[in-house]
Amino acid sequence: IMDNSGCFMENPTLEDLLKTDSEMRIKAQEWIDN
C-alpha cells in the first residue's frame, strides 16, 4: 500500500487526511481480497 499509494502531500488538510485514510483502507481491503 505504501509503495503503490502515489500520495504525498506536504501540508495536508484534515479533509485530505480523512480522504487518504478512507482510500487506503479500501486499497488494503482489496489487497486482502485479491
PDB file of all heavy atoms in Angstrom:
ATOM      1  N   ILE A   1       0.837  -1.202   0.000  1.00  0.00           N
ATOM      2  CA  ILE A   1       0.000   0.000   0.000  1.00  0.00           C
ATOM      3  C   ILE A   1       0.874   1.256   0.000  1.00  0.00           C
ATOM      4  O   ILE A   1       0.608   2.211  -0.738  1.00  0.00           O
ATOM      5  CB  ILE A   1      -0.958  -0.001   1.210  1.00  0.00           C
ATOM      6  CG1 ILE A   1      -1.913  -1.207   1.156  1.00  0.00           C
ATOM      7  CG2 ILE A   1      -1.734   1.308   1.301  1.00  0.00           C
ATOM      8  CD1 ILE A   1      -2.745  -1.328  -0.108  1.00  0.00           C
ATOM      9  N   MET A   2       1.934   1.243   0.807  1.00  0.00           N
ATOM     10  CA  MET A   2       2.841   2.399   0.844  1.00  0.00           C
ATOM     11  C   MET A   2       3.502   2.624  -0.517  1.00  0.00           C
ATOM     12  O   MET A   2       3.584   3.746  -0.998  1.00  0.00           O
ATOM     13  CB  MET A   2       3.922   2.197   1.906  1.00  0.00           C
ATOM     14  CG  MET A   2       3.416   2.116   3.334  1.00  0.00           C
ATOM     15  SD  MET A   2       3.033   3.693   4.067  1.00  0.00           S
ATOM     16  CE  MET A   2       4.613   4.474   4.065  1.00  0.00           C
ATOM     17  N   ASP A   3       3.972   1.541  -1.136  1.00  0.00           N
ATOM     18  CA  ASP A   3       4.674   1.651  -2.421  1.00  0.00           C
ATOM     19  C   ASP A   3       3.764   2.093  -3.556  1.00  0.00           C
ATOM     20  O   ASP A   3       4.210   2.747  -4.491  1.00  0.00           O
ATOM     21  CB  ASP A   3       5.314   0.307  -2.796  1.00  0.00           C
ATOM     22  CG  ASP A   3       6.490  -0.049  -1.916  1.00  0.00           C
ATOM     23  OD1 ASP A   3       7.016   0.836  -1.206  1.00  0.00           O
ATOM     24  OD2 ASP A   3       6.872  -1.241  -1.920  1.00  0.00           O
ATOM     25  N   ASN A   4       2.489   1.718  -3.488  1.00  0.00           N
ATOM     26  CA  ASN A   4       1.582   1.967  -4.603  1.00  0.00           C
ATOM     27  C   ASN A   4       0.549   3.053  -4.335  1.00  0.00           C
ATOM     28  O   ASN A   4      -0.382   3.211  -5.119  1.00  0.00           O
ATOM     29  CB  ASN A   4       0.876   0.664  -4.988  1.00  0.00           C
ATOM     30  CG  ASN A   4       1.853  -0.357  -5.512  1.00  0.00           C
ATOM     31  OD1 ASN A   4       2.574  -0.105  -6.468  1.00  0.00           O
ATOM     32  ND2 ASN A   4       1.922  -1.508  -4.862  1.00  0.00           N
ATOM     33  N   SER A   5       0.708   3.779  -3.265  1.00  0.00           N
ATOM     34  CA  SER A   5      -0.308   4.782  -2.922  1.00  0.00           C
ATOM     35  C   SER A   5      -0.278   5.982  -3.859  1.00  0.00           C
ATOM     36  O   SER A   5      -1.306   6.568  -4.152  1.00  0.00           O
ATOM     37  CB  SER A   5      -0.129   5.252  -1.484  1.00  0.00           C
ATOM     38  OG  SER A   5       1.064   5.994  -1.362  1.00  0.00           O
ATOM     39  N   GLY A   6       0.912   6.365  -4.305  1.00  0.00           N
ATOM     40  CA  GLY A   6       1.028   7.514  -5.187  1.00  0.00           C
ATOM     41  C   GLY A   6       0.652   8.827  -4.520  1.00  0.00           C
ATOM     42  O   GLY A   6       0.413   9.812  -5.191  1.00  0.00           O
ATOM     43  N   CYS A   7       0.580   8.828  -3.204  1.00  0.00           N
ATOM     44  CA  CYS A   7       0.164  10.021  -2.466  1.00  0.00           C
ATOM     45  C   CYS A   7       1.320  10.596  -1.673  1.00  0.00           C
ATOM     46  O   CYS A   7       2.007   9.880  -0.975  1.00  0.00           O
ATOM     47  CB  CYS A   7      -0.933   9.678  -1.465  1.00  0.00           C
ATOM     48  SG  CYS A   7      -2.489   9.193  -2.173  1.00  0.00           S
ATOM     49  N   PHE A   8       1.510  11.861  -1.799  1.00  0.00           N
ATOM     50  CA  PHE A   8       2.344  12.604  -0.872  1.00  0.00           C
ATOM     51  C   PHE A   8       1.893  14.045  -0.916  1.00  0.00           C
ATOM     52  O   PHE A   8       1.831  14.652  -1.981  1.00  0.00           O
ATOM     53  CB  PHE A   8       3.835  12.539  -1.191  1.00  0.00           C
ATOM     54  CG  PHE A   8       4.636  13.387  -0.235  1.00  0.00           C
ATOM     55  CD1 PHE A   8       4.888  12.935   1.043  1.00  0.00           C
ATOM     56  CD2 PHE A   8       5.072  14.647  -0.605  1.00  0.00           C
ATOM     57  CE1 PHE A   8       5.588  13.739   1.946  1.00  0.00           C
ATOM     58  CE2 PHE A   8       5.772  15.451   0.288  1.00  0.00           C
ATOM     59  CZ  PHE A   8       6.030  14.990   1.569  1.00  0.00           C
ATOM     60  N   MET A   9       1.540  14.547   0.238  1.00  0.00           N
ATOM     61  CA  MET A   9       1.134  15.943   0.363  1.00  0.00           C
ATOM     62  C   MET A   9       1.997  16.577   1.439  1.00  0.00           C
ATOM     63  O   MET A   9       2.083  16.059   2.547  1.00  0.00           O
ATOM     64  CB  MET A   9      -0.333  16.037   0.754  1.00  0.00           C
ATOM     65  CG  MET A   9      -1.277  15.528  -0.269  1.00  0.00           C
ATOM     66  SD  MET A   9      -2.955  15.652   0.371  1.00  0.00           S
ATOM     67  CE  MET A   9      -3.719  14.365  -0.578  1.00  0.00           C
ATOM     68  N   GLU A  10       2.606  17.693   1.101  1.00  0.00           N
ATOM     69  CA  GLU A  10       3.495  18.333   2.061  1.00  0.00           C
ATOM     70  C   GLU A  10       2.742  18.918   3.249  1.00  0.00           C
ATOM     71  O   GLU A  10       3.169  18.798   4.388  1.00  0.00           O
ATOM     72  CB  GLU A  10       4.321  19.415   1.382  1.00  0.00           C
ATOM     73  CG  GLU A  10       5.449  19.879   2.260  1.00  0.00           C
ATOM     74  CD  GLU A  10       6.557  20.517   1.468  1.00  0.00           C
ATOM     75  OE1 GLU A  10       6.804  20.102   0.328  1.00  0.00           O
ATOM     76  OE2 GLU A  10       7.162  21.444   2.019  1.00  0.00           O
ATOM     77  N   ASN A  11       1.618  19.523   3.007  1.00  0.00           N
ATOM     78  CA  ASN A  11       0.824  20.135   4.082  1.00  0.00           C
ATOM     79  C   ASN A  11      -0.648  19.746   3.937  1.00  0.00           C
ATOM     80  O   ASN A  11      -1.488  20.576   3.581  1.00  0.00           O
ATOM     81  CB  ASN A  11       0.967  21.660   4.058  1.00  0.00           C
ATOM     82  CG  ASN A  11       2.375  22.104   4.359  1.00  0.00           C
ATOM     83  OD1 ASN A  11       2.924  21.717   5.383  1.00  0.00           O
ATOM     84  ND2 ASN A  11       2.961  22.894   3.473  1.00  0.00           N
ATOM     85  N   PRO A  12      -0.984  18.494   4.222  1.00  0.00           N
ATOM     86  CA  PRO A  12      -2.371  18.053   4.027  1.00  0.00           C
ATOM     87  C   PRO A  12      -3.322  18.694   5.036  1.00  0.00           C
ATOM     88  O   PRO A  12      -2.956  18.959   6.173  1.00  0.00           O
ATOM     89  CB  PRO A  12      -2.295  16.549   4.240  1.00  0.00           C
ATOM     90  CG  PRO A  12      -1.122  16.356   5.139  1.00  0.00           C
ATOM     91  CD  PRO A  12      -0.150  17.428   4.757  1.00  0.00           C
ATOM     92  N   THR A  13      -4.531  18.915   4.584  1.00  0.00           N
ATOM     93  CA  THR A  13      -5.589  19.399   5.473  1.00  0.00           C
ATOM     94  C   THR A  13      -6.218  18.190   6.162  1.00  0.00           C
ATOM     95  O   THR A  13      -5.969  17.037   5.776  1.00  0.00           O
ATOM     96  CB  THR A  13      -6.680  20.130   4.679  1.00  0.00           C
ATOM     97  OG1 THR A  13      -7.314  19.186   3.795  1.00  0.00           O
ATOM     98  CG2 THR A  13      -6.107  21.295   3.878  1.00  0.00           C
ATOM     99  N   LEU A  14      -7.044  18.437   7.141  1.00  0.00           N
ATOM    100  CA  LEU A  14      -7.759  17.346   7.801  1.00  0.00           C
ATOM    101  C   LEU A  14      -8.611  16.593   6.790  1.00  0.00           C
ATOM    102  O   LEU A  14      -8.661  15.363   6.802  1.00  0.00           O
ATOM    103  CB  LEU A  14      -8.626  17.880   8.939  1.00  0.00           C
ATOM    104  CG  LEU A  14      -9.484  16.841   9.663  1.00  0.00           C
ATOM    105  CD1 LEU A  14      -8.608  15.726  10.249  1.00  0.00           C
ATOM    106  CD2 LEU A  14     -10.320  17.500  10.732  1.00  0.00           C
ATOM    107  N   GLU A  15      -9.244  17.305   5.895  1.00  0.00           N
ATOM    108  CA  GLU A  15     -10.056  16.678   4.844  1.00  0.00           C
ATOM    109  C   GLU A  15      -9.187  15.767   3.974  1.00  0.00           C
ATOM    110  O   GLU A  15      -9.601  14.656   3.628  1.00  0.00           O
ATOM    111  CB  GLU A  15     -10.736  17.746   3.983  1.00  0.00           C
ATOM    112  CG  GLU A  15     -11.643  17.162   2.914  1.00  0.00           C
ATOM    113  CD  GLU A  15     -12.341  18.240   2.096  1.00  0.00           C
ATOM    114  OE1 GLU A  15     -12.906  19.179   2.697  1.00  0.00           O
ATOM    115  OE2 GLU A  15     -12.310  18.130   0.852  1.00  0.00           O
ATOM    116  N   ASP A  16      -7.990  16.217   3.611  1.00  0.00           N
ATOM    117  CA  ASP A  16      -7.065  15.394   2.826  1.00  0.00           C
ATOM    118  C   ASP A  16      -6.715  14.108   3.569  1.00  0.00           C
ATOM    119  O   ASP A  16      -6.687  13.027   2.984  1.00  0.00           O
ATOM    120  CB  ASP A  16      -5.764  16.150   2.533  1.00  0.00           C
ATOM    121  CG  ASP A  16      -5.950  17.331   1.607  1.00  0.00           C
ATOM    122  OD1 ASP A  16      -6.869  17.315   0.766  1.00  0.00           O
ATOM    123  OD2 ASP A  16      -5.150  18.296   1.738  1.00  0.00           O
ATOM    124  N   LEU A  17      -6.433  14.234   4.857  1.00  0.00           N
ATOM    125  CA  LEU A  17      -6.052  13.065   5.657  1.00  0.00           C
ATOM    126  C   LEU A  17      -7.197  12.073   5.777  1.00  0.00           C
ATOM    127  O   LEU A  17      -6.994  10.856   5.660  1.00  0.00           O
ATOM    128  CB  LEU A  17      -5.580  13.501   7.042  1.00  0.00           C
ATOM    129  CG  LEU A  17      -4.284  14.289   7.076  1.00  0.00           C
ATOM    130  CD1 LEU A  17      -4.032  14.831   8.466  1.00  0.00           C
ATOM    131  CD2 LEU A  17      -3.111  13.444   6.593  1.00  0.00           C
ATOM    132  N   LEU A  18      -8.393  12.572   6.005  1.00  0.00           N
ATOM    133  CA  LEU A  18      -9.551  11.683   6.119  1.00  0.00           C
ATOM    134  C   LEU A  18      -9.834  10.964   4.798  1.00  0.00           C
ATOM    135  O   LEU A  18     -10.150   9.772   4.785  1.00  0.00           O
ATOM    136  CB  LEU A  18     -10.778  12.465   6.588  1.00  0.00           C
ATOM    137  CG  LEU A  18     -10.698  13.020   8.010  1.00  0.00           C
ATOM    138  CD1 LEU A  18     -11.887  13.938   8.295  1.00  0.00           C
ATOM    139  CD2 LEU A  18     -10.608  11.895   9.033  1.00  0.00           C
ATOM    140  N   LYS A  19      -9.708  11.682   3.701  1.00  0.00           N
ATOM    141  CA  LYS A  19      -9.923  11.079   2.382  1.00  0.00           C
ATOM    142  C   LYS A  19      -8.849  10.027   2.094  1.00  0.00           C
ATOM    143  O   LYS A  19      -9.151   8.933   1.632  1.00  0.00           O
ATOM    144  CB  LYS A  19      -9.897  12.159   1.290  1.00  0.00           C
ATOM    145  CG  LYS A  19     -10.139  11.623  -0.089  1.00  0.00           C
ATOM    146  CD  LYS A  19     -10.128  12.739  -1.121  1.00  0.00           C
ATOM    147  CE  LYS A  19     -10.301  12.148  -2.506  1.00  0.00           C
ATOM    148  NZ  LYS A  19     -10.085  13.127  -3.561  1.00  0.00           N
ATOM    149  N   THR A  20      -7.593  10.348   2.392  1.00  0.00           N
ATOM    150  CA  THR A  20      -6.496   9.408   2.181  1.00  0.00           C
ATOM    151  C   THR A  20      -6.683   8.169   3.033  1.00  0.00           C
ATOM    152  O   THR A  20      -6.515   7.040   2.560  1.00  0.00           O
ATOM    153  CB  THR A  20      -5.143  10.074   2.496  1.00  0.00           C
ATOM    154  OG1 THR A  20      -4.960  11.175   1.602  1.00  0.00           O
ATOM    155  CG2 THR A  20      -3.990   9.099   2.339  1.00  0.00           C
ATOM    156  N   ASP A  21      -7.048   8.356   4.298  1.00  0.00           N
ATOM    157  CA  ASP A  21      -7.287   7.231   5.191  1.00  0.00           C
ATOM    158  C   ASP A  21      -8.349   6.296   4.607  1.00  0.00           C
ATOM    159  O   ASP A  21      -8.147   5.083   4.530  1.00  0.00           O
ATOM    160  CB  ASP A  21      -7.721   7.735   6.565  1.00  0.00           C
ATOM    161  CG  ASP A  21      -8.010   6.607   7.530  1.00  0.00           C
ATOM    162  OD1 ASP A  21      -7.043   6.062   8.106  1.00  0.00           O
ATOM    163  OD2 ASP A  21      -9.197   6.267   7.699  1.00  0.00           O
ATOM    164  N   SER A  22      -9.438   6.853   4.183  1.00  0.00           N
ATOM    165  CA  SER A  22     -10.532   6.062   3.624  1.00  0.00           C
ATOM    166  C   SER A  22     -10.093   5.314   2.360  1.00  0.00           C
ATOM    167  O   SER A  22     -10.360   4.113   2.204  1.00  0.00           O
ATOM    168  CB  SER A  22     -11.720   6.970   3.304  1.00  0.00           C
ATOM    169  OG  SER A  22     -12.761   6.245   2.721  1.00  0.00           O
ATOM    170  N   GLU A  23      -9.416   6.002   1.465  1.00  0.00           N
ATOM    171  CA  GLU A  23      -8.959   5.391   0.213  1.00  0.00           C
ATOM    172  C   GLU A  23      -7.960   4.256   0.470  1.00  0.00           C
ATOM    173  O   GLU A  23      -8.003   3.213  -0.174  1.00  0.00           O
ATOM    174  CB  GLU A  23      -8.339   6.437  -0.696  1.00  0.00           C
ATOM    175  CG  GLU A  23      -9.344   7.410  -1.269  1.00  0.00           C
ATOM    176  CD  GLU A  23      -8.706   8.558  -2.030  1.00  0.00           C
ATOM    177  OE1 GLU A  23      -7.455   8.654  -2.080  1.00  0.00           O
ATOM    178  OE2 GLU A  23      -9.466   9.374  -2.580  1.00  0.00           O
ATOM    179  N   MET A  24      -7.060   4.453   1.415  1.00  0.00           N
ATOM    180  CA  MET A  24      -6.040   3.430   1.699  1.00  0.00           C
ATOM    181  C   MET A  24      -6.635   2.217   2.388  1.00  0.00           C
ATOM    182  O   MET A  24      -6.196   1.093   2.173  1.00  0.00           O
ATOM    183  CB  MET A  24      -4.897   4.016   2.527  1.00  0.00           C
ATOM    184  CG  MET A  24      -4.099   5.085   1.794  1.00  0.00           C
ATOM    185  SD  MET A  24      -3.473   4.575   0.169  1.00  0.00           S
ATOM    186  CE  MET A  24      -4.344   5.717  -0.901  1.00  0.00           C
ATOM    187  N   ARG A  25      -7.660   2.416   3.203  1.00  0.00           N
ATOM    188  CA  ARG A  25      -8.352   1.286   3.813  1.00  0.00           C
ATOM    189  C   ARG A  25      -9.021   0.433   2.737  1.00  0.00           C
ATOM    190  O   ARG A  25      -9.006  -0.789   2.796  1.00  0.00           O
ATOM    191  CB  ARG A  25      -9.369   1.762   4.843  1.00  0.00           C
ATOM    192  CG  ARG A  25      -8.715   2.293   6.100  1.00  0.00           C
ATOM    193  CD  ARG A  25      -9.723   2.927   7.048  1.00  0.00           C
ATOM    194  NE  ARG A  25      -9.044   3.566   8.153  1.00  0.00           N
ATOM    195  CZ  ARG A  25      -8.744   2.962   9.300  1.00  0.00           C
ATOM    196  NH1 ARG A  25      -9.101   1.705   9.488  1.00  0.00           N
ATOM    197  NH2 ARG A  25      -8.108   3.609  10.253  1.00  0.00           N
ATOM    198  N   ILE A  26      -9.600   1.086   1.743  1.00  0.00           N
ATOM    199  CA  ILE A  26     -10.227   0.366   0.632  1.00  0.00           C
ATOM    200  C   ILE A  26      -9.169  -0.414  -0.143  1.00  0.00           C
ATOM    201  O   ILE A  26      -9.356  -1.593  -0.454  1.00  0.00           O
ATOM    202  CB  ILE A  26     -11.001   1.337  -0.285  1.00  0.00           C
ATOM    203  CG1 ILE A  26     -12.226   1.882   0.456  1.00  0.00           C
ATOM    204  CG2 ILE A  26     -11.379   0.667  -1.599  1.00  0.00           C
ATOM    205  CD1 ILE A  26     -12.899   3.058  -0.230  1.00  0.00           C
ATOM    206  N   LYS A  27      -8.022   0.227  -0.439  1.00  0.00           N
ATOM    207  CA  LYS A  27      -6.955  -0.456  -1.171  1.00  0.00           C
ATOM    208  C   LYS A  27      -6.407  -1.635  -0.373  1.00  0.00           C
ATOM    209  O   LYS A  27      -6.111  -2.686  -0.940  1.00  0.00           O
ATOM    210  CB  LYS A  27      -5.823   0.522  -1.512  1.00  0.00           C
ATOM    211  CG  LYS A  27      -6.190   1.491  -2.599  1.00  0.00           C
ATOM    212  CD  LYS A  27      -5.014   2.389  -2.951  1.00  0.00           C
ATOM    213  CE  LYS A  27      -5.440   3.400  -3.967  1.00  0.00           C
ATOM    214  NZ  LYS A  27      -4.657   3.367  -5.163  1.00  0.00           N
ATOM    215  N   ALA A  28      -6.274  -1.464   0.923  1.00  0.00           N
ATOM    216  CA  ALA A  28      -5.781  -2.559   1.766  1.00  0.00           C
ATOM    217  C   ALA A  28      -6.758  -3.726   1.744  1.00  0.00           C
ATOM    218  O   ALA A  28      -6.350  -4.894   1.640  1.00  0.00           O
ATOM    219  CB  ALA A  28      -5.554  -2.071   3.190  1.00  0.00           C
ATOM    220  N   GLN A  29      -8.029  -3.428   1.817  1.00  0.00           N
ATOM    221  CA  GLN A  29      -9.028  -4.500   1.777  1.00  0.00           C
ATOM    222  C   GLN A  29      -9.026  -5.188   0.416  1.00  0.00           C
ATOM    223  O   GLN A  29      -9.165  -6.409   0.331  1.00  0.00           O
ATOM    224  CB  GLN A  29     -10.424  -3.951   2.091  1.00  0.00           C
ATOM    225  CG  GLN A  29     -11.465  -5.032   2.259  1.00  0.00           C
ATOM    226  CD  GLN A  29     -11.136  -6.012   3.369  1.00  0.00           C
ATOM    227  OE1 GLN A  29     -10.928  -5.614   4.517  1.00  0.00           O
ATOM    228  NE2 GLN A  29     -11.062  -7.283   3.049  1.00  0.00           N
ATOM    229  N   GLU A  30      -8.841  -4.438  -0.655  1.00  0.00           N
ATOM    230  CA  GLU A  30      -8.746  -5.028  -1.993  1.00  0.00           C
ATOM    231  C   GLU A  30      -7.540  -5.955  -2.082  1.00  0.00           C
ATOM    232  O   GLU A  30      -7.616  -7.024  -2.687  1.00  0.00           O
ATOM    233  CB  GLU A  30      -8.664  -3.934  -3.060  1.00  0.00           C
ATOM    234  CG  GLU A  30      -9.968  -3.192  -3.252  1.00  0.00           C
ATOM    235  CD  GLU A  30      -9.837  -1.969  -4.149  1.00  0.00           C
ATOM    236  OE1 GLU A  30      -8.704  -1.559  -4.505  1.00  0.00           O
ATOM    237  OE2 GLU A  30     -10.894  -1.400  -4.490  1.00  0.00           O
ATOM    238  N   TRP A  31      -6.407  -5.560  -1.483  1.00  0.00           N
ATOM    239  CA  TRP A  31      -5.207  -6.399  -1.464  1.00  0.00           C
ATOM    240  C   TRP A  31      -5.521  -7.719  -0.775  1.00  0.00           C
ATOM    241  O   TRP A  31      -5.160  -8.785  -1.277  1.00  0.00           O
ATOM    242  CB  TRP A  31      -4.075  -5.664  -0.747  1.00  0.00           C
ATOM    243  CG  TRP A  31      -2.750  -6.348  -0.795  1.00  0.00           C
ATOM    244  CD1 TRP A  31      -1.767  -6.152  -1.715  1.00  0.00           C
ATOM    245  CD2 TRP A  31      -2.239  -7.333   0.115  1.00  0.00           C
ATOM    246  NE1 TRP A  31      -0.683  -6.952  -1.429  1.00  0.00           N
ATOM    247  CE2 TRP A  31      -0.948  -7.685  -0.312  1.00  0.00           C
ATOM    248  CE3 TRP A  31      -2.764  -7.954   1.256  1.00  0.00           C
ATOM    249  CZ2 TRP A  31      -0.172  -8.628   0.350  1.00  0.00           C
ATOM    250  CZ3 TRP A  31      -1.994  -8.889   1.918  1.00  0.00           C
ATOM    251  CH2 TRP A  31      -0.708  -9.222   1.470  1.00  0.00           C
ATOM    252  N   ILE A  32      -6.212  -7.650   0.341  1.00  0.00           N
ATOM    253  CA  ILE A  32      -6.582  -8.865   1.083  1.00  0.00           C
ATOM    254  C   ILE A  32      -7.525  -9.717   0.259  1.00  0.00           C
ATOM    255  O   ILE A  32      -7.348 -10.933   0.148  1.00  0.00           O
ATOM    256  CB  ILE A  32      -7.209  -8.487   2.444  1.00  0.00           C
ATOM    257  CG1 ILE A  32      -6.141  -7.856   3.337  1.00  0.00           C
ATOM    258  CG2 ILE A  32      -7.839  -9.694   3.097  1.00  0.00           C
ATOM    259  CD1 ILE A  32      -6.700  -7.114   4.534  1.00  0.00           C
ATOM    260  N   ASP A  33      -8.531  -9.100  -0.330  1.00  0.00           N
ATOM    261  CA  ASP A  33      -9.498  -9.845  -1.149  1.00  0.00           C
ATOM    262  C   ASP A  33      -8.813 -10.533  -2.321  1.00  0.00           C
ATOM    263  O   ASP A  33      -9.114 -11.686  -2.641  1.00  0.00           O
ATOM    264  CB  ASP A  33     -10.599  -8.925  -1.643  1.00  0.00           C
ATOM    265  CG  ASP A  33     -11.493  -8.411  -0.522  1.00  0.00           C
ATOM    266  OD1 ASP A  33     -11.464  -8.970   0.595  1.00  0.00           O
ATOM    267  OD2 ASP A  33     -12.198  -7.402  -0.761  1.00  0.00           O
ATOM    268  N   ASN A  34      -7.860  -9.858  -2.982  1.00  0.00           N
ATOM    269  CA  ASN A  34      -7.140 -10.446  -4.107  1.00  0.00           C
ATOM    270  C   ASN A  34      -6.232 -11.586  -3.655  1.00  0.00           C
ATOM    271  O   ASN A  34      -6.065 -12.554  -4.375  1.00  0.00           O
ATOM    272  CB  ASN A  34      -6.318  -9.378  -4.833  1.00  0.00           C
ATOM    273  CG  ASN A  34      -7.180  -8.438  -5.633  1.00  0.00           C
ATOM    274  OD1 ASN A  34      -8.277  -8.770  -6.044  1.00  0.00           O
ATOM    275  ND2 ASN A  34      -6.703  -7.226  -5.820  1.00  0.00           N
TER     276      ASN A  34
END
